[in-house]
Amino acid sequence: MSGIEIAAGVLLAVASIIIILVVLVQESKDQGLTSAIGGGYNDSFYGKNTGNTRDAKLNRLTKICAVILFVITLAVSILHQVMN
């Protein structure tokens, strides 16, 4: 294993742990049968400003970490194929 593969493996492990922790911290979006029947749409001030909430930031962080995980995995796979 080269140093690049080891560093990529460490980055993959860190990104995986961050994703797990961020997902565990997020609140459940499941509101049960009430939202399925009523639609669950919230047209209040809070509902319009959901991009500034803690959950929105955690959701954004989850997406960023998932993209990083995906890109590093592809890069390591391609690098491994080129080296062999």
PDB file of N, CA and C in Angstrom:
ATOM      1  N   MET A   1       0.838  -1.181   0.000  1.00  0.00           N
ATOM      2  CA  MET A   1       0.000   0.000   0.000  1.00  0.00           C
ATOM      3  C   MET A   1       0.884   1.246   0.000  1.00  0.00           C
ATOM      4  N   SER A   2       0.484   2.184  -0.814  1.00  0.00           N
ATOM      5  CA  SER A   2       1.228   3.435  -0.862  1.00  0.00           C
ATOM      6  C   SER A   2       0.691   4.406   0.176  1.00  0.00           C
ATOM      7  N   GLY A   3       1.425   5.473   0.349  1.00  0.00           N
ATOM      8  CA  GLY A   3       1.014   6.489   1.309  1.00  0.00           C
ATOM      9  C   GLY A   3      -0.296   7.152   0.918  1.00  0.00           C
ATOM     10  N   ILE A   4      -0.516   7.275  -0.392  1.00  0.00           N
ATOM     11  CA  ILE A   4      -1.759   7.881  -0.873  1.00  0.00           C
ATOM     12  C   ILE A   4      -2.954   7.004  -0.518  1.00  0.00           C
ATOM     13  N   GLU A   5      -2.811   5.697  -0.664  1.00  0.00           N
ATOM     14  CA  GLU A   5      -3.898   4.785  -0.321  1.00  0.00           C
ATOM     15  C   GLU A   5      -4.192   4.802   1.179  1.00  0.00           C
ATOM     16  N   ILE A   6      -3.156   4.905   1.985  1.00  0.00           N
ATOM     17  CA  ILE A   6      -3.346   4.965   3.430  1.00  0.00           C
ATOM     18  C   ILE A   6      -4.051   6.260   3.826  1.00  0.00           C
ATOM     19  N   ALA A   7      -3.601   7.382   3.246  1.00  0.00           N
ATOM     20  CA  ALA A   7      -4.224   8.672   3.541  1.00  0.00           C
ATOM     21  C   ALA A   7      -5.684   8.680   3.092  1.00  0.00           C
ATOM     22  N   ALA A   8      -5.956   8.108   1.925  1.00  0.00           N
ATOM     23  CA  ALA A   8      -7.334   8.044   1.437  1.00  0.00           C
ATOM     24  C   ALA A   8      -8.186   7.153   2.340  1.00  0.00           C
ATOM     25  N   GLY A   9      -7.610   6.072   2.827  1.00  0.00           N
ATOM     26  CA  GLY A   9      -8.334   5.203   3.750  1.00  0.00           C
ATOM     27  C   GLY A   9      -8.679   5.903   5.047  1.00  0.00           C
ATOM     28  N   VAL A  10      -7.753   6.707   5.543  1.00  0.00           N
ATOM     29  CA  VAL A  10      -8.016   7.474   6.766  1.00  0.00           C
ATOM     30  C   VAL A  10      -9.118   8.497   6.502  1.00  0.00           C
ATOM     31  N   LEU A  11      -9.057   9.189   5.359  1.00  0.00           N
ATOM     32  CA  LEU A  11     -10.103  10.160   5.011  1.00  0.00           C
ATOM     33  C   LEU A  11     -11.467   9.485   4.860  1.00  0.00           C
ATOM     34  N   LEU A  12     -11.494   8.297   4.281  1.00  0.00           N
ATOM     35  CA  LEU A  12     -12.751   7.553   4.158  1.00  0.00           C
ATOM     36  C   LEU A  12     -13.313   7.199   5.533  1.00  0.00           C
ATOM     37  N   ALA A  13     -12.447   6.771   6.420  1.00  0.00           N
ATOM     38  CA  ALA A  13     -12.903   6.420   7.770  1.00  0.00           C
ATOM     39  C   ALA A  13     -13.438   7.647   8.505  1.00  0.00           C
ATOM     40  N   VAL A  14     -12.740   8.774   8.392  1.00  0.00           N
ATOM     41  CA  VAL A  14     -13.180  10.002   9.061  1.00  0.00           C
ATOM     42  C   VAL A  14     -14.508  10.479   8.481  1.00  0.00           C
ATOM     43  N   ALA A  15     -14.633  10.476   7.149  1.00  0.00           N
ATOM     44  CA  ALA A  15     -15.887  10.901   6.515  1.00  0.00           C
ATOM     45  C   ALA A  15     -17.032   9.976   6.920  1.00  0.00           C
ATOM     46  N   SER A  16     -16.782   8.691   7.017  1.00  0.00           N
ATOM     47  CA  SER A  16     -17.818   7.737   7.424  1.00  0.00           C
ATOM     48  C   SER A  16     -18.279   7.990   8.854  1.00  0.00           C
ATOM     49  N   ILE A  17     -17.330   8.231   9.741  1.00  0.00           N
ATOM     50  CA  ILE A  17     -17.681   8.502  11.139  1.00  0.00           C
ATOM     51  C   ILE A  17     -18.463   9.803  11.254  1.00  0.00           C
ATOM     52  N   ILE A  18     -18.054  10.829  10.496  1.00  0.00           N
ATOM     53  CA  ILE A  18     -18.780  12.105  10.530  1.00  0.00           C
ATOM     54  C   ILE A  18     -20.210  11.923  10.036  1.00  0.00           C
ATOM     55  N   ILE A  19     -20.385  11.166   8.955  1.00  0.00           N
ATOM     56  CA  ILE A  19     -21.738  10.919   8.437  1.00  0.00           C
ATOM     57  C   ILE A  19     -22.590  10.211   9.478  1.00  0.00           C
ATOM     58  N   ILE A  20     -22.039   9.200  10.115  1.00  0.00           N
ATOM     59  CA  ILE A  20     -22.785   8.453  11.126  1.00  0.00           C
ATOM     60  C   ILE A  20     -23.196   9.371  12.281  1.00  0.00           C
ATOM     61  N   LEU A  21     -22.263  10.169  12.776  1.00  0.00           N
ATOM     62  CA  LEU A  21     -22.564  11.056  13.903  1.00  0.00           C
ATOM     63  C   LEU A  21     -23.585  12.129  13.534  1.00  0.00           C
ATOM     64  N   VAL A  22     -23.457  12.708  12.342  1.00  0.00           N
ATOM     65  CA  VAL A  22     -24.379  13.763  11.933  1.00  0.00           C
ATOM     66  C   VAL A  22     -25.785  13.203  11.749  1.00  0.00           C
ATOM     67  N   VAL A  23     -25.899  12.020  11.180  1.00  0.00           N
ATOM     68  CA  VAL A  23     -27.214  11.415  10.989  1.00  0.00           C
ATOM     69  C   VAL A  23     -27.847  11.072  12.336  1.00  0.00           C
ATOM     70  N   LEU A  24     -27.047  10.617  13.288  1.00  0.00           N
ATOM     71  CA  LEU A  24     -27.591  10.301  14.611  1.00  0.00           C
ATOM     72  C   LEU A  24     -28.054  11.539  15.370  1.00  0.00           C
ATOM     73  N   VAL A  25     -27.422  12.678  15.122  1.00  0.00           N
ATOM     74  CA  VAL A  25     -27.776  13.912  15.816  1.00  0.00           C
ATOM     75  C   VAL A  25     -29.054  14.534  15.251  1.00  0.00           C
ATOM     76  N   GLN A  26     -29.334  14.301  13.965  1.00  0.00           N
ATOM     77  CA  GLN A  26     -30.499  14.912  13.330  1.00  0.00           C
ATOM     78  C   GLN A  26     -31.796  14.392  13.935  1.00  0.00           C
ATOM     79  N   GLU A  27     -32.803  15.281  13.936  1.00  0.00           N
ATOM     80  CA  GLU A  27     -34.112  14.884  14.421  1.00  0.00           C
ATOM     81  C   GLU A  27     -34.852  14.114  13.338  1.00  0.00           C
ATOM     82  N   SER A  28     -35.755  13.247  13.769  1.00  0.00           N
ATOM     83  CA  SER A  28     -36.547  12.455  12.836  1.00  0.00           C
ATOM     84  C   SER A  28     -37.532  13.348  12.102  1.00  0.00           C
ATOM     85  N   LYS A  29     -37.661  13.135  10.798  1.00  0.00           N
ATOM     86  CA  LYS A  29     -38.609  13.915  10.008  1.00  0.00           C
ATOM     87  C   LYS A  29     -39.964  13.215   9.919  1.00  0.00           C
ATOM     88  N   ASP A  30     -40.068  12.047  10.500  1.00  0.00           N
ATOM     89  CA  ASP A  30     -41.300  11.273  10.467  1.00  0.00           C
ATOM     90  C   ASP A  30     -42.295  11.865  11.449  1.00  0.00           C
ATOM     91  N   GLN A  31     -43.466  12.290  10.936  1.00  0.00           N
ATOM     92  CA  GLN A  31     -44.486  12.868  11.796  1.00  0.00           C
ATOM     93  C   GLN A  31     -45.696  11.954  11.920  1.00  0.00           C
ATOM     94  N   GLY A  32     -45.575  10.758  11.446  1.00  0.00           N
ATOM     95  CA  GLY A  32     -46.637   9.784  11.600  1.00  0.00           C
ATOM     96  C   GLY A  32     -47.762   9.936  10.589  1.00  0.00           C
ATOM     97  N   LEU A  33     -48.926   9.383  10.934  1.00  0.00           N
ATOM     98  CA  LEU A  33     -50.069   9.341  10.048  1.00  0.00           C
ATOM     99  C   LEU A  33     -50.677  10.722   9.816  1.00  0.00           C
ATOM    100  N   THR A  34     -50.515  11.629  10.737  1.00  0.00           N
ATOM    101  CA  THR A  34     -51.079  12.969  10.591  1.00  0.00           C
ATOM    102  C   THR A  34     -50.501  13.689   9.385  1.00  0.00           C
ATOM    103  N   SER A  35     -49.207  13.598   9.181  1.00  0.00           N
ATOM    104  CA  SER A  35     -48.606  14.281   8.039  1.00  0.00           C
ATOM    105  C   SER A  35     -48.938  13.579   6.736  1.00  0.00           C
ATOM    106  N   ALA A  36     -49.186  12.284   6.778  1.00  0.00           N
ATOM    107  CA  ALA A  36     -49.548  11.570   5.556  1.00  0.00           C
ATOM    108  C   ALA A  36     -50.938  11.967   5.084  1.00  0.00           C
ATOM    109  N   ILE A  37     -51.836  12.209   6.007  1.00  0.00           N
ATOM    110  CA  ILE A  37     -53.205  12.585   5.652  1.00  0.00           C
ATOM    111  C   ILE A  37     -53.299  14.084   5.368  1.00  0.00           C
ATOM    112  N   GLY A  38     -52.713  14.886   6.233  1.00  0.00           N
ATOM    113  CA  GLY A  38     -52.833  16.336   6.109  1.00  0.00           C
ATOM    114  C   GLY A  38     -51.771  16.971   5.240  1.00  0.00           C
ATOM    115  N   GLY A  39     -50.801  16.236   4.800  1.00  0.00           N
ATOM    116  CA  GLY A  39     -49.746  16.779   3.963  1.00  0.00           C
ATOM    117  C   GLY A  39     -48.547  17.265   4.737  1.00  0.00           C
ATOM    118  N   GLY A  40     -48.754  17.702   5.955  1.00  0.00           N
ATOM    119  CA  GLY A  40     -47.641  18.124   6.795  1.00  0.00           C
ATOM    120  C   GLY A  40     -46.951  19.393   6.339  1.00  0.00           C
ATOM    121  N   TYR A  41     -47.596  20.225   5.542  1.00  0.00           N
ATOM    122  CA  TYR A  41     -46.991  21.455   5.041  1.00  0.00           C
ATOM    123  C   TYR A  41     -47.104  22.548   6.085  1.00  0.00           C
ATOM    124  N   ASN A  42     -45.998  23.201   6.349  1.00  0.00           N
ATOM    125  CA  ASN A  42     -45.975  24.254   7.353  1.00  0.00           C
ATOM    126  C   ASN A  42     -45.687  25.579   6.652  1.00  0.00           C
ATOM    127  N   ASP A  43     -46.670  26.485   6.605  1.00  0.00           N
ATOM    128  CA  ASP A  43     -46.517  27.755   5.913  1.00  0.00           C
ATOM    129  C   ASP A  43     -46.254  28.893   6.895  1.00  0.00           C
ATOM    130  N   SER A  44     -45.665  28.592   8.013  1.00  0.00           N
ATOM    131  CA  SER A  44     -45.367  29.619   9.007  1.00  0.00           C
ATOM    132  C   SER A  44     -44.013  30.246   8.703  1.00  0.00           C
ATOM    133  N   PHE A  45     -43.639  31.219   9.505  1.00  0.00           N
ATOM    134  CA  PHE A  45     -42.333  31.852   9.364  1.00  0.00           C
ATOM    135  C   PHE A  45     -41.214  30.832   9.532  1.00  0.00           C
ATOM    136  N   TYR A  46     -41.393  29.934  10.482  1.00  0.00           N
ATOM    137  CA  TYR A  46     -40.388  28.893  10.717  1.00  0.00           C
ATOM    138  C   TYR A  46     -40.271  27.980   9.507  1.00  0.00           C
ATOM    139  N   GLY A  47     -41.397  27.659   8.896  1.00  0.00           N
ATOM    140  CA  GLY A  47     -41.382  26.774   7.735  1.00  0.00           C
ATOM    141  C   GLY A  47     -40.693  27.389   6.534  1.00  0.00           C
ATOM    142  N   LYS A  48     -40.767  28.719   6.405  1.00  0.00           N
ATOM    143  CA  LYS A  48     -40.140  29.400   5.272  1.00  0.00           C
ATOM    144  C   LYS A  48     -38.646  29.599   5.472  1.00  0.00           C
ATOM    145  N   ASN A  49     -38.183  29.581   6.702  1.00  0.00           N
ATOM    146  CA  ASN A  49     -36.771  29.814   7.002  1.00  0.00           C
ATOM    147  C   ASN A  49     -36.071  28.545   7.459  1.00  0.00           C
ATOM    148  N   THR A  50     -36.397  27.435   6.870  1.00  0.00           N
ATOM    149  CA  THR A  50     -35.799  26.174   7.307  1.00  0.00           C
ATOM    150  C   THR A  50     -34.343  26.045   6.901  1.00  0.00           C
ATOM    151  N   GLY A  51     -33.861  26.872   5.971  1.00  0.00           N
ATOM    152  CA  GLY A  51     -32.466  26.806   5.554  1.00  0.00           C
ATOM    153  C   GLY A  51     -31.498  27.294   6.611  1.00  0.00           C
ATOM    154  N   ASN A  52     -31.992  28.021   7.612  1.00  0.00           N
ATOM    155  CA  ASN A  52     -31.126  28.574   8.650  1.00  0.00           C
ATOM    156  C   ASN A  52     -31.149  27.758   9.933  1.00  0.00           C
ATOM    157  N   THR A  53     -31.891  26.705   9.970  1.00  0.00           N
ATOM    158  CA  THR A  53     -32.020  25.930  11.195  1.00  0.00           C
ATOM    159  C   THR A  53     -30.844  24.984  11.387  1.00  0.00           C
ATOM    160  N   ARG A  54     -30.748  24.458  12.570  1.00  0.00           N
ATOM    161  CA  ARG A  54     -29.688  23.498  12.901  1.00  0.00           C
ATOM    162  C   ARG A  54     -29.807  22.242  12.046  1.00  0.00           C
ATOM    163  N   ASP A  55     -31.049  21.759  11.861  1.00  0.00           N
ATOM    164  CA  ASP A  55     -31.245  20.556  11.052  1.00  0.00           C
ATOM    165  C   ASP A  55     -30.868  20.779   9.591  1.00  0.00           C
ATOM    166  N   ALA A  56     -31.125  21.970   9.076  1.00  0.00           N
ATOM    167  CA  ALA A  56     -30.754  22.263   7.690  1.00  0.00           C
ATOM    168  C   ALA A  56     -29.237  22.251   7.538  1.00  0.00           C
ATOM    169  N   LYS A  57     -28.538  22.783   8.524  1.00  0.00           N
ATOM    170  CA  LYS A  57     -27.072  22.776   8.477  1.00  0.00           C
ATOM    171  C   LYS A  57     -26.526  21.361   8.591  1.00  0.00           C
ATOM    172  N   LEU A  58     -27.135  20.554   9.456  1.00  0.00           N
ATOM    173  CA  LEU A  58     -26.711  19.161   9.579  1.00  0.00           C
ATOM    174  C   LEU A  58     -26.995  18.386   8.305  1.00  0.00           C
ATOM    175  N   ASN A  59     -28.130  18.670   7.678  1.00  0.00           N
ATOM    176  CA  ASN A  59     -28.479  18.018   6.422  1.00  0.00           C
ATOM    177  C   ASN A  59     -27.463  18.379   5.335  1.00  0.00           C
ATOM    178  N   ARG A  60     -27.087  19.644   5.275  1.00  0.00           N
ATOM    179  CA  ARG A  60     -26.091  20.098   4.300  1.00  0.00           C
ATOM    180  C   ARG A  60     -24.746  19.428   4.565  1.00  0.00           C
ATOM    181  N   LEU A  61     -24.353  19.328   5.842  1.00  0.00           N
ATOM    182  CA  LEU A  61     -23.096  18.673   6.198  1.00  0.00           C
ATOM    183  C   LEU A  61     -23.120  17.194   5.814  1.00  0.00           C
ATOM    184  N   THR A  62     -24.256  16.548   5.977  1.00  0.00           N
ATOM    185  CA  THR A  62     -24.391  15.145   5.584  1.00  0.00           C
ATOM    186  C   THR A  62     -24.181  14.982   4.084  1.00  0.00           C
ATOM    187  N   LYS A  63     -24.785  15.862   3.307  1.00  0.00           N
ATOM    188  CA  LYS A  63     -24.632  15.795   1.845  1.00  0.00           C
ATOM    189  C   LYS A  63     -23.187  16.034   1.428  1.00  0.00           C
ATOM    190  N   ILE A  64     -22.540  17.003   2.044  1.00  0.00           N
ATOM    191  CA  ILE A  64     -21.143  17.303   1.706  1.00  0.00           C
ATOM    192  C   ILE A  64     -20.246  16.113   2.035  1.00  0.00           C
ATOM    193  N   CYS A  65     -20.434  15.516   3.198  1.00  0.00           N
ATOM    194  CA  CYS A  65     -19.623  14.353   3.591  1.00  0.00           C
ATOM    195  C   CYS A  65     -19.891  13.153   2.687  1.00  0.00           C
ATOM    196  N   ALA A  66     -21.132  12.987   2.254  1.00  0.00           N
ATOM    197  CA  ALA A  66     -21.452  11.883   1.345  1.00  0.00           C
ATOM    198  C   ALA A  66     -20.764  12.070   0.000  1.00  0.00           C
ATOM    199  N   VAL A  67     -20.738  13.294  -0.497  1.00  0.00           N
ATOM    200  CA  VAL A  67     -20.049  13.567  -1.765  1.00  0.00           C
ATOM    201  C   VAL A  67     -18.553  13.332  -1.614  1.00  0.00           C
ATOM    202  N   ILE A  68     -17.981  13.793  -0.506  1.00  0.00           N
ATOM    203  CA  ILE A  68     -16.558  13.564  -0.255  1.00  0.00           C
ATOM    204  C   ILE A  68     -16.257  12.071  -0.189  1.00  0.00           C
ATOM    205  N   LEU A  69     -17.093  11.323   0.503  1.00  0.00           N
ATOM    206  CA  LEU A  69     -16.927   9.869   0.602  1.00  0.00           C
ATOM    207  C   LEU A  69     -16.973   9.220  -0.778  1.00  0.00           C
ATOM    208  N   PHE A  70     -17.930   9.634  -1.595  1.00  0.00           N
ATOM    209  CA  PHE A  70     -18.084   9.081  -2.940  1.00  0.00           C
ATOM    210  C   PHE A  70     -16.872   9.399  -3.813  1.00  0.00           C
ATOM    211  N   VAL A  71     -16.419  10.650  -3.795  1.00  0.00           N
ATOM    212  CA  VAL A  71     -15.294  11.069  -4.635  1.00  0.00           C
ATOM    213  C   VAL A  71     -14.010  10.369  -4.215  1.00  0.00           C
ATOM    214  N   ILE A  72     -13.752  10.278  -2.923  1.00  0.00           N
ATOM    215  CA  ILE A  72     -12.530   9.611  -2.453  1.00  0.00           C
ATOM    216  C   ILE A  72     -12.563   8.134  -2.804  1.00  0.00           C
ATOM    217  N   THR A  73     -13.727   7.511  -2.665  1.00  0.00           N
ATOM    218  CA  THR A  73     -13.844   6.088  -3.013  1.00  0.00           C
ATOM    219  C   THR A  73     -13.544   5.856  -4.495  1.00  0.00           C
ATOM    220  N   LEU A  74     -14.099   6.705  -5.351  1.00  0.00           N
ATOM    221  CA  LEU A  74     -13.811   6.584  -6.792  1.00  0.00           C
ATOM    222  C   LEU A  74     -12.336   6.837  -7.083  1.00  0.00           C
ATOM    223  N   ALA A  75     -11.755   7.846  -6.450  1.00  0.00           N
ATOM    224  CA  ALA A  75     -10.360   8.166  -6.685  1.00  0.00           C
ATOM    225  C   ALA A  75      -9.438   7.019  -6.261  1.00  0.00           C
ATOM    226  N   VAL A  76      -9.703   6.441  -5.112  1.00  0.00           N
ATOM    227  CA  VAL A  76      -8.890   5.311  -4.639  1.00  0.00           C
ATOM    228  C   VAL A  76      -9.045   4.112  -5.560  1.00  0.00           C
ATOM    229  N   SER A  77     -10.262   3.866  -6.016  1.00  0.00           N
ATOM    230  CA  SER A  77     -10.495   2.747  -6.930  1.00  0.00           C
ATOM    231  C   SER A  77      -9.743   2.939  -8.242  1.00  0.00           C
ATOM    232  N   ILE A  78      -9.815   4.141  -8.803  1.00  0.00           N
ATOM    233  CA  ILE A  78      -9.115   4.414 -10.053  1.00  0.00           C
ATOM    234  C   ILE A  78      -7.599   4.347  -9.843  1.00  0.00           C
ATOM    235  N   LEU A  79      -7.124   4.905  -8.747  1.00  0.00           N
ATOM    236  CA  LEU A  79      -5.701   4.871  -8.438  1.00  0.00           C
ATOM    237  C   LEU A  79      -5.217   3.445  -8.273  1.00  0.00           C
ATOM    238  N   HIS A  80      -5.991   2.617  -7.627  1.00  0.00           N
ATOM    239  CA  HIS A  80      -5.624   1.203  -7.435  1.00  0.00           C
ATOM    240  C   HIS A  80      -5.548   0.470  -8.773  1.00  0.00           C
ATOM    241  N   GLN A  81      -6.474   0.757  -9.664  1.00  0.00           N
ATOM    242  CA  GLN A  81      -6.477   0.132 -10.988  1.00  0.00           C
ATOM    243  C   GLN A  81      -5.268   0.566 -11.806  1.00  0.00           C
ATOM    244  N   VAL A  82      -4.882   1.825 -11.701  1.00  0.00           N
ATOM    245  CA  VAL A  82      -3.753   2.348 -12.459  1.00  0.00           C
ATOM    246  C   VAL A  82      -2.442   1.769 -11.938  1.00  0.00           C
ATOM    247  N   MET A  83      -2.323   1.606 -10.628  1.00  0.00           N
ATOM    248  CA  MET A  83      -1.089   1.108 -10.036  1.00  0.00           C
ATOM    249  C   MET A  83      -0.867  -0.382 -10.296  1.00  0.00           C
ATOM    250  N   ASN A  84      -1.926  -1.122 -10.510  1.00  0.00           N
ATOM    251  CA  ASN A  84      -1.778  -2.587 -10.728  1.00  0.00           C
ATOM    252  C   ASN A  84      -1.773  -2.920 -12.156  1.00  0.00           C
TER     253      ASN A  84
END
